[in-house]
Amino acid sequence: MISCIQRAKTKFLIAFLFALAASFGVSTTGYAQGASLPVDDAGIVSAGESLYKNNCVVCHSVGSDVVVGPGMKGVNERRSQTWLLSWIKNSQALIASGDKDAVAIYNQFNKQAMPSFAFSDDEIISILTYIKSAESAAAEAPAAGEATAAAPGENVGTDAVGAIGGYLDIVLVVLIVVLIVLVVTLLLITSVLKNYLNKNKQLDEYDAEIVNQRFDFSKIYKSKAVRTLVVLIFVIVLIDLTLDKAMGVGIQQGYAPTQPIAFSHKLHAGEHQIDCNYCHTTVYESKSASIPSANICMNCHSQIKAESPEIQKIYKAIERNKPIEWVRIHNLPDLAYFNHAQHTQVGGVECQTCHGPIQEMEVVYQYSPLTMGWCIDCHRETPLNTEGNAYYDNLVKLHESTTKSAFTVSSNGGAECSKCHY
């Protein structure tokens, strides 16, 4: 779930946006069933998206797909806002009151209790606004695709580039074939002329020697210059291979071990868009990103694919009261200090920056080399966000007075040895 700081920021942003809307005479409460939500307000939609992805996406899809609970498509039309506020805040209380719709949903989804959320009305409205906005975006996407397909010549530029590339490939193949034919033809002509001249026997001794001379390959490998060149090339290749192996010690880029449970990030983080922070709960708060415990898996898999052989391994781990023995993939040497929270929370570094397209990985592998040179290059090239932080004001002024380059992490001491080795 989102941290207290993130939650407080989101609450402040939503309250500010709704207060701003109210100051202009725009009502933000009392949206009845089927009423229009302010989907054009980017701030409210963004705040709602953040809340939805950190709290709701694990059990609900924005579309019509059923995950744990029902899909959210059309929820603003199916239910009144008053009902939705009550249901999201405390679904069990609404069920206990005997509400027919609440009881029907509870029974339909195997009496799976939806957790209560201490959201304000404005926060819930922002979530509903985001859902409405996502529906509108999904509805416009096919229409845009149809319009593009229907308009002849719309993608002429792209098609032309592809056609030119295809023609160039054909031309290259034709040229190679022509060259091969020319070489074969020249060899045939040479052979025919040589036979003709030898049969006529009109050549003097010198010309006959030229026509019938044979190339002596033994002179090449007996040459001192050639032998020296071969030995030199061999030594250079040997040194290069040795250096590559030596420099590769401890580097596990591409390492993809077999895990005790076949967990797919492509399915969970990619298709279902489950936020990384939901499973790795300390990635924004601690030195290390935590390994998810079995009970986090059970939040969903107590209902979803419970009979799957892979899910049964989680059940067995719980029954035996033993942790799942995941194999660590990304591992820095003990001599190097690294803090996840410093990079993700403070620096705003995305997971994909170091871990690559994790949302596309069926089997997770080490994407980056994680070498000292790789880290230092990142510190030298990444600008430091100093806006709104008075601590950096004098440092930035001093930096700008001495150089025209950007104020990077390295400019703030990010390349000093003691930052990572102490």
Protein backbone atom coordinates (compact mmCIF):
# COMPACT_ATOMS: atom_id res chain seq x y z
CA MET A 1 0.00 0.00 0.00
CA ILE A 2 1.14 3.58 -0.41
CA SER A 3 3.21 5.09 2.36
CA CYS A 4 1.85 7.61 4.83
CA ILE A 5 3.74 10.41 3.09
CA GLN A 6 2.32 9.51 -0.32
CA ARG A 7 -1.17 9.20 1.18
CA ALA A 8 -0.92 12.60 2.85
CA LYS A 9 0.28 14.19 -0.41
CA THR A 10 -2.59 12.60 -2.33
CA LYS A 11 -5.15 13.76 0.22
CA PHE A 12 -3.78 17.31 0.12
CA LEU A 13 -3.80 17.33 -3.70
CA ILE A 14 -7.37 16.07 -3.93
CA ALA A 15 -8.64 18.49 -1.28
CA PHE A 16 -6.88 21.37 -3.05
CA LEU A 17 -8.32 20.43 -6.45
CA PHE A 18 -11.86 20.08 -5.16
CA ALA A 19 -11.54 23.34 -3.21
CA LEU A 20 -10.29 25.03 -6.38
CA ALA A 21 -13.22 23.65 -8.34
CA ALA A 22 -15.63 24.83 -5.65
CA SER A 23 -14.13 28.32 -5.71
CA PHE A 24 -15.13 28.57 -9.37
CA GLY A 25 -18.65 27.48 -8.58
CA VAL A 26 -18.22 23.89 -9.80
CA SER A 27 -20.02 21.35 -7.64
CA THR A 28 -17.99 18.25 -6.77
CA THR A 29 -20.53 16.45 -4.62
CA GLY A 30 -23.88 14.87 -5.14
CA TYR A 31 -23.20 13.09 -8.43
CA ALA A 32 -26.31 10.99 -8.82
CA GLN A 33 -26.51 7.71 -10.70
CA GLY A 34 -25.50 8.30 -14.31
CA ALA A 35 -24.37 11.86 -13.58
CA SER A 36 -21.32 13.22 -15.37
CA LEU A 37 -18.02 13.18 -13.52
CA PRO A 38 -15.34 15.82 -14.20
CA VAL A 39 -13.18 13.57 -16.38
CA ASP A 40 -11.50 16.56 -18.00
CA ASP A 41 -9.79 17.60 -14.74
CA ALA A 42 -6.32 16.12 -15.15
CA GLY A 43 -5.37 16.71 -11.50
CA ILE A 44 -8.36 14.83 -10.07
CA VAL A 45 -7.94 12.01 -12.60
CA SER A 46 -4.23 11.71 -11.75
CA ALA A 47 -4.91 11.62 -8.00
CA GLY A 48 -7.65 9.03 -8.54
CA GLU A 49 -5.34 6.93 -10.71
CA SER A 50 -2.69 6.91 -7.97
CA LEU A 51 -5.22 5.78 -5.35
CA TYR A 52 -6.74 3.17 -7.67
CA LYS A 53 -3.42 1.61 -8.68
CA ASN A 54 -2.16 1.47 -5.11
CA ASN A 55 -5.35 0.08 -3.55
CA CYS A 56 -7.83 -1.32 -6.06
CA VAL A 57 -6.01 -2.75 -9.08
CA VAL A 58 -5.09 -5.99 -7.26
CA CYS A 59 -8.75 -7.05 -7.14
CA HIS A 60 -10.49 -4.98 -9.83
CA SER A 61 -9.83 -4.21 -13.49
CA VAL A 62 -10.80 -0.87 -15.03
CA GLY A 63 -12.59 -2.80 -17.80
CA SER A 64 -15.08 -5.64 -17.57
CA ASP A 65 -12.63 -8.42 -16.65
CA VAL A 66 -13.19 -10.15 -13.32
CA VAL A 67 -10.04 -10.42 -11.21
CA VAL A 68 -11.05 -11.07 -7.58
CA GLY A 69 -14.01 -8.73 -7.68
CA PRO A 70 -16.08 -7.34 -10.56
CA GLY A 71 -14.67 -5.13 -13.31
CA MET A 72 -15.21 -1.39 -12.84
CA LYS A 73 -16.53 -0.66 -16.33
CA GLY A 74 -19.82 1.22 -16.06
CA VAL A 75 -19.81 1.31 -12.24
CA ASN A 76 -20.75 5.01 -12.25
CA GLU A 77 -23.88 4.17 -14.26
CA ARG A 78 -24.78 0.98 -12.38
CA ARG A 79 -24.65 2.47 -8.88
CA SER A 80 -25.42 5.82 -7.31
CA GLN A 81 -22.61 7.80 -5.80
CA THR A 82 -24.13 7.57 -2.33
CA TRP A 83 -24.17 3.78 -2.56
CA LEU A 84 -20.58 3.66 -3.86
CA LEU A 85 -19.34 5.89 -1.04
CA SER A 86 -20.89 3.59 1.55
CA TRP A 87 -19.69 0.40 -0.16
CA ILE A 88 -16.06 1.50 -0.59
CA LYS A 89 -15.77 2.88 2.94
CA ASN A 90 -17.26 -0.18 4.67
CA SER A 91 -18.75 -2.90 2.47
CA GLN A 92 -19.43 -5.24 5.41
CA ALA A 93 -21.56 -2.65 7.18
CA LEU A 94 -23.62 -2.17 4.01
CA ILE A 95 -24.08 -5.96 3.68
CA ALA A 96 -25.07 -6.24 7.33
CA SER A 97 -27.71 -3.55 6.79
CA GLY A 98 -29.45 -5.89 4.34
CA ASP A 99 -28.85 -3.80 1.20
CA LYS A 100 -29.99 -6.06 -1.69
CA ASP A 101 -27.28 -4.98 -4.14
CA ALA A 102 -24.53 -5.36 -1.54
CA VAL A 103 -25.72 -8.81 -0.48
CA ALA A 104 -26.03 -9.91 -4.14
CA ILE A 105 -22.44 -8.87 -4.93
CA TYR A 106 -21.16 -10.51 -1.74
CA ASN A 107 -22.82 -13.83 -2.64
CA GLN A 108 -21.87 -13.62 -6.33
CA PHE A 109 -18.17 -13.43 -5.54
CA ASN A 110 -18.05 -16.32 -3.05
CA LYS A 111 -18.53 -14.11 0.00
CA GLN A 112 -15.05 -12.64 -0.41
CA ALA A 113 -14.92 -9.68 1.97
CA MET A 114 -13.76 -6.41 0.45
CA PRO A 115 -11.45 -4.50 2.84
CA SER A 116 -12.68 -1.21 4.25
CA PHE A 117 -10.89 1.99 3.23
CA ALA A 118 -10.55 5.15 5.30
CA PHE A 119 -10.97 7.32 2.23
CA SER A 120 -12.61 10.71 2.27
CA ASP A 121 -15.55 11.39 -0.06
CA ASP A 122 -13.30 13.48 -2.28
CA GLU A 123 -10.78 10.65 -2.58
CA ILE A 124 -13.47 8.17 -3.60
CA ILE A 125 -14.87 10.65 -6.13
CA SER A 126 -11.38 11.02 -7.62
CA ILE A 127 -11.18 7.22 -8.02
CA LEU A 128 -14.58 7.13 -9.73
CA THR A 129 -13.48 10.02 -11.95
CA TYR A 130 -10.38 8.10 -12.97
CA ILE A 131 -12.49 5.02 -13.82
CA LYS A 132 -14.79 7.18 -15.96
CA SER A 133 -11.77 8.74 -17.68
CA ALA A 134 -10.27 5.31 -18.38
CA GLU A 135 -13.58 4.18 -19.92
CA SER A 136 -13.63 7.24 -22.18
CA ALA A 137 -10.03 6.66 -23.27
CA ALA A 138 -10.76 2.99 -24.03
CA ALA A 139 -13.85 3.95 -26.06
CA GLU A 140 -11.93 6.53 -28.11
CA ALA A 141 -9.01 4.21 -28.92
CA PRO A 142 -10.90 1.88 -31.33
CA ALA A 143 -12.59 4.83 -32.99
CA ALA A 144 -9.24 6.45 -33.64
CA GLY A 145 -7.93 3.19 -35.08
CA GLU A 146 -10.92 2.86 -37.40
CA ALA A 147 -10.52 6.45 -38.60
CA THR A 148 -6.87 5.84 -39.38
CA ALA A 149 -7.65 2.68 -41.31
CA ALA A 150 -10.50 4.29 -43.21
CA ALA A 151 -8.52 7.28 -44.41
CA PRO A 152 -6.47 6.31 -47.47
CA GLY A 153 -2.93 7.58 -47.41
CA GLU A 154 -3.01 8.30 -43.65
CA ASN A 155 0.11 6.19 -43.04
CA VAL A 156 1.77 6.91 -46.36
CA GLY A 157 5.03 8.02 -44.72
CA THR A 158 5.39 4.87 -42.64
CA ASP A 159 4.40 2.62 -45.54
CA ALA A 160 6.82 4.41 -47.87
CA VAL A 161 9.72 3.92 -45.45
CA GLY A 162 8.88 0.23 -45.16
CA ALA A 163 8.58 -0.11 -48.95
CA ILE A 164 11.91 1.67 -49.53
CA GLY A 165 13.60 -0.61 -47.00
CA GLY A 166 12.16 -3.65 -48.80
CA TYR A 167 13.37 -2.38 -52.21
CA LEU A 168 16.88 -1.75 -50.86
CA ASP A 169 17.07 -5.30 -49.55
CA ILE A 170 16.06 -6.63 -52.97
CA VAL A 171 18.63 -4.41 -54.73
CA LEU A 172 21.41 -5.60 -52.38
CA VAL A 173 20.53 -9.25 -53.00
CA VAL A 174 20.49 -8.68 -56.78
CA LEU A 175 23.89 -6.93 -56.67
CA ILE A 176 25.43 -9.79 -54.68
CA VAL A 177 24.08 -12.34 -57.18
CA VAL A 178 25.43 -10.27 -60.10
CA LEU A 179 28.89 -10.06 -58.49
CA ILE A 180 28.97 -13.82 -57.93
CA VAL A 181 27.98 -14.42 -61.58
CA LEU A 182 30.71 -12.01 -62.77
CA VAL A 183 33.39 -13.74 -60.70
CA VAL A 184 32.34 -17.19 -61.99
CA THR A 185 32.26 -15.84 -65.56
CA LEU A 186 35.76 -14.36 -65.28
CA LEU A 187 37.14 -17.63 -63.93
CA LEU A 188 35.55 -19.55 -66.81
CA ILE A 189 36.96 -17.10 -69.37
CA THR A 190 40.42 -17.36 -67.81
CA SER A 191 40.27 -21.16 -67.91
CA VAL A 192 39.13 -21.19 -71.57
CA LEU A 193 41.87 -18.76 -72.69
CA LYS A 194 44.52 -20.72 -70.82
CA ASN A 195 43.49 -23.98 -72.52
CA TYR A 196 43.35 -22.28 -75.92
CA LEU A 197 46.85 -20.83 -75.61
CA ASN A 198 48.33 -24.12 -74.42
CA LYS A 199 46.78 -26.06 -77.32
CA ASN A 200 48.08 -23.69 -80.00
CA LYS A 201 51.64 -23.98 -78.66
CA GLN A 202 52.53 -20.57 -80.15
CA LEU A 203 53.85 -19.20 -76.86
CA ASP A 204 57.54 -18.66 -76.25
CA GLU A 205 59.13 -20.05 -73.10
CA TYR A 206 58.64 -16.89 -71.05
CA ASP A 207 54.91 -16.49 -71.96
CA ALA A 208 54.26 -20.19 -71.36
CA GLU A 209 55.77 -19.87 -67.89
CA ILE A 210 53.50 -16.90 -67.10
CA VAL A 211 50.34 -18.66 -68.36
CA ASN A 212 51.02 -21.93 -66.53
CA GLN A 213 52.49 -20.58 -63.34
CA ARG A 214 51.07 -21.93 -60.08
CA PHE A 215 50.80 -20.11 -56.81
CA ASP A 216 53.09 -21.56 -54.15
CA PHE A 217 51.19 -21.43 -50.83
CA SER A 218 54.19 -22.78 -48.92
CA LYS A 219 55.95 -19.45 -49.38
CA ILE A 220 53.19 -17.75 -47.34
CA TYR A 221 53.36 -19.84 -44.18
CA LYS A 222 57.15 -20.07 -44.38
CA SER A 223 57.46 -16.29 -44.44
CA LYS A 224 58.80 -14.76 -41.18
CA ALA A 225 56.55 -11.71 -41.56
CA VAL A 226 53.41 -13.86 -41.87
CA ARG A 227 54.41 -16.03 -38.91
CA THR A 228 55.09 -12.94 -36.81
CA LEU A 229 51.71 -11.49 -37.77
CA VAL A 230 49.88 -14.73 -36.88
CA VAL A 231 51.61 -14.97 -33.49
CA LEU A 232 50.83 -11.30 -32.79
CA ILE A 233 47.14 -11.76 -33.64
CA PHE A 234 46.99 -14.89 -31.46
CA VAL A 235 48.53 -13.04 -28.49
CA ILE A 236 46.16 -10.07 -28.88
CA VAL A 237 43.10 -12.34 -29.04
CA LEU A 238 44.32 -14.30 -26.00
CA ILE A 239 44.89 -11.11 -23.99
CA ASP A 240 41.44 -9.78 -25.00
CA LEU A 241 39.69 -12.99 -23.93
CA THR A 242 41.60 -13.05 -20.65
CA LEU A 243 40.70 -9.43 -19.88
CA ASP A 244 37.04 -10.05 -20.74
CA LYS A 245 36.92 -13.02 -18.38
CA ALA A 246 38.79 -11.14 -15.64
CA MET A 247 36.56 -8.05 -15.94
CA GLY A 248 33.49 -10.29 -15.95
CA VAL A 249 34.20 -11.81 -12.55
CA GLY A 250 31.24 -11.05 -10.28
CA ILE A 251 29.11 -9.67 -13.12
CA GLN A 252 25.90 -11.66 -13.50
CA GLN A 253 24.12 -9.70 -16.22
CA GLY A 254 21.52 -11.97 -17.81
CA TYR A 255 21.41 -14.27 -14.76
CA ALA A 256 17.96 -15.92 -14.63
CA PRO A 257 17.84 -18.71 -12.04
CA THR A 258 14.97 -21.18 -11.74
CA GLN A 259 12.72 -20.10 -8.88
CA PRO A 260 10.85 -22.48 -6.51
CA ILE A 261 7.55 -21.09 -7.83
CA ALA A 262 7.00 -20.07 -11.46
CA PHE A 263 6.00 -16.46 -10.78
CA SER A 264 5.38 -14.31 -13.87
CA HIS A 265 6.03 -10.56 -13.60
CA LYS A 266 4.64 -10.27 -17.14
CA LEU A 267 1.26 -11.52 -15.91
CA HIS A 268 1.12 -9.70 -12.57
CA ALA A 269 2.97 -6.40 -13.21
CA GLY A 270 2.28 -6.29 -16.97
CA GLU A 271 -1.19 -7.59 -17.77
CA HIS A 272 -2.81 -7.00 -14.34
CA GLN A 273 -0.72 -3.84 -13.64
CA ILE A 274 -0.19 -4.67 -9.97
CA ASP A 275 1.97 -1.96 -8.44
CA CYS A 276 5.48 -3.10 -7.44
CA ASN A 277 4.93 -1.61 -3.99
CA TYR A 278 2.04 -3.99 -3.32
CA CYS A 279 4.34 -7.03 -3.16
CA HIS A 280 7.69 -5.36 -2.41
CA THR A 281 6.26 -3.31 0.45
CA THR A 282 9.47 -1.59 1.59
CA VAL A 283 10.82 -0.50 -1.79
CA TYR A 284 10.04 3.17 -1.00
CA GLU A 285 10.86 3.03 2.70
CA SER A 286 13.86 0.82 3.31
CA LYS A 287 17.40 0.02 2.22
CA SER A 288 16.17 -3.18 0.56
CA ALA A 289 13.05 -4.07 -1.39
CA SER A 290 11.36 -6.77 0.68
CA ILE A 291 10.53 -10.23 -0.63
CA PRO A 292 6.74 -10.70 -0.46
CA SER A 293 5.53 -13.06 2.25
CA ALA A 294 3.14 -15.90 1.46
CA ASN A 295 0.17 -14.09 3.03
CA ILE A 296 0.50 -11.29 0.42
CA CYS A 297 0.13 -13.94 -2.29
CA MET A 298 -2.90 -15.32 -0.46
CA ASN A 299 -4.69 -11.95 -0.63
CA CYS A 300 -5.56 -12.93 -4.20
CA HIS A 301 -4.79 -16.62 -4.52
CA SER A 302 -7.09 -17.69 -1.73
CA GLN A 303 -9.72 -17.20 -4.46
CA ILE A 304 -7.84 -17.15 -7.79
CA LYS A 305 -6.38 -20.38 -9.26
CA ALA A 306 -6.23 -21.95 -5.83
CA GLU A 307 -5.98 -25.43 -7.41
CA SER A 308 -2.97 -24.53 -9.59
CA PRO A 309 0.10 -26.71 -8.84
CA GLU A 310 2.24 -23.58 -8.45
CA ILE A 311 -0.24 -21.99 -6.02
CA GLN A 312 -0.37 -25.23 -4.05
CA LYS A 313 3.33 -24.74 -3.32
CA ILE A 314 2.40 -21.54 -1.46
CA TYR A 315 -0.23 -23.42 0.55
CA LYS A 316 2.37 -26.06 1.50
CA ALA A 317 4.82 -23.38 2.63
CA ILE A 318 2.14 -21.89 4.89
CA GLU A 319 1.14 -25.29 6.27
CA ARG A 320 4.76 -26.11 7.10
CA ASN A 321 5.32 -22.60 8.50
CA LYS A 322 8.40 -22.23 6.31
CA PRO A 323 9.26 -19.31 4.00
CA ILE A 324 9.42 -19.76 0.24
CA GLU A 325 13.11 -20.06 -0.67
CA TRP A 326 13.31 -17.57 -3.53
CA VAL A 327 16.66 -17.36 -5.33
CA ARG A 328 18.17 -13.88 -5.20
CA ILE A 329 18.96 -12.39 -8.62
CA HIS A 330 20.24 -8.85 -8.03
CA ASN A 331 23.08 -8.97 -5.53
CA LEU A 332 25.73 -6.31 -4.85
CA PRO A 333 29.00 -7.12 -3.07
CA ASP A 334 29.15 -6.35 0.66
CA LEU A 335 31.72 -3.61 0.02
CA ALA A 336 29.11 -1.49 -1.79
CA TYR A 337 26.30 0.38 -0.03
CA PHE A 338 22.97 0.79 -1.85
CA ASN A 339 19.68 2.15 -0.54
CA HIS A 340 16.44 1.52 -2.44
CA ALA A 341 14.47 4.25 -0.68
CA GLN A 342 17.15 6.84 -1.48
CA HIS A 343 16.77 6.10 -5.19
CA THR A 344 13.03 5.35 -5.52
CA GLN A 345 11.47 7.67 -2.95
CA VAL A 346 13.94 10.57 -2.86
CA GLY A 347 15.44 10.33 -6.34
CA GLY A 348 12.23 9.27 -8.08
CA VAL A 349 14.07 6.55 -10.02
CA GLU A 350 11.71 4.13 -11.80
CA CYS A 351 12.10 0.39 -11.24
CA GLN A 352 12.76 -0.14 -14.97
CA THR A 353 15.84 2.12 -14.86
CA CYS A 354 17.84 -0.62 -13.13
CA HIS A 355 15.68 -3.72 -13.52
CA GLY A 356 14.77 -3.21 -17.18
CA PRO A 357 11.31 -4.01 -18.64
CA ILE A 358 10.33 -6.05 -15.58
CA GLN A 359 6.65 -5.88 -16.58
CA GLU A 360 7.49 -7.88 -19.72
CA MET A 361 9.56 -10.63 -18.08
CA GLU A 362 8.05 -14.08 -17.83
CA VAL A 363 11.19 -15.13 -15.96
CA VAL A 364 13.08 -12.34 -14.18
CA TYR A 365 16.73 -11.88 -15.11
CA GLN A 366 19.43 -9.36 -14.21
CA TYR A 367 18.99 -6.68 -16.85
CA SER A 368 21.80 -4.26 -15.92
CA PRO A 369 25.47 -5.08 -15.22
CA LEU A 370 25.32 -3.38 -11.78
CA THR A 371 29.04 -2.58 -11.99
CA MET A 372 30.71 0.41 -10.36
CA GLY A 373 31.27 2.01 -13.77
CA TRP A 374 27.60 1.59 -14.63
CA CYS A 375 26.52 3.26 -11.37
CA ILE A 376 28.98 6.14 -11.73
CA ASP A 377 27.88 6.76 -15.34
CA CYS A 378 24.30 7.04 -14.11
CA HIS A 379 25.33 9.50 -11.36
CA ARG A 380 27.24 11.59 -13.90
CA GLU A 381 24.38 11.74 -16.40
CA THR A 382 21.30 12.02 -14.16
CA PRO A 383 20.25 15.62 -13.36
CA LEU A 384 19.43 16.23 -9.72
CA ASN A 385 15.93 17.58 -9.06
CA THR A 386 16.56 20.57 -6.81
CA GLU A 387 13.32 22.49 -7.39
CA GLY A 388 11.58 23.56 -4.20
CA ASN A 389 14.49 22.43 -2.01
CA ALA A 390 16.32 25.40 -0.48
CA TYR A 391 19.16 23.15 0.65
CA TYR A 392 20.49 23.06 -2.92
CA ASP A 393 20.07 26.75 -3.80
CA ASN A 394 23.64 27.85 -2.97
CA LEU A 395 25.13 24.67 -4.38
CA VAL A 396 23.33 25.17 -7.70
CA LYS A 397 24.39 28.83 -7.89
CA LEU A 398 28.03 27.89 -7.21
CA HIS A 399 27.85 25.11 -9.81
CA GLU A 400 26.33 27.37 -12.46
CA SER A 401 28.99 30.02 -11.83
CA THR A 402 31.80 27.56 -12.62
CA THR A 403 30.34 25.41 -15.40
CA LYS A 404 27.52 25.32 -17.92
CA SER A 405 26.80 21.61 -17.45
CA ALA A 406 23.71 20.34 -15.62
CA PHE A 407 23.72 19.86 -11.85
CA THR A 408 23.86 16.07 -11.64
CA VAL A 409 24.08 13.54 -8.82
CA SER A 410 27.83 13.51 -9.37
CA SER A 411 27.92 17.31 -8.94
CA ASN A 412 26.50 16.79 -5.46
CA GLY A 413 29.20 14.28 -4.51
CA GLY A 414 27.57 11.22 -6.02
CA ALA A 415 30.87 9.98 -7.44
CA GLU A 416 32.86 10.22 -4.20
CA CYS A 417 34.22 6.89 -2.96
CA SER A 418 32.79 7.33 0.57
CA LYS A 419 29.22 7.58 -0.78
CA CYS A 420 29.12 3.86 -1.50
CA HIS A 421 32.24 2.50 0.24
CA TYR A 422 32.59 3.22 3.94
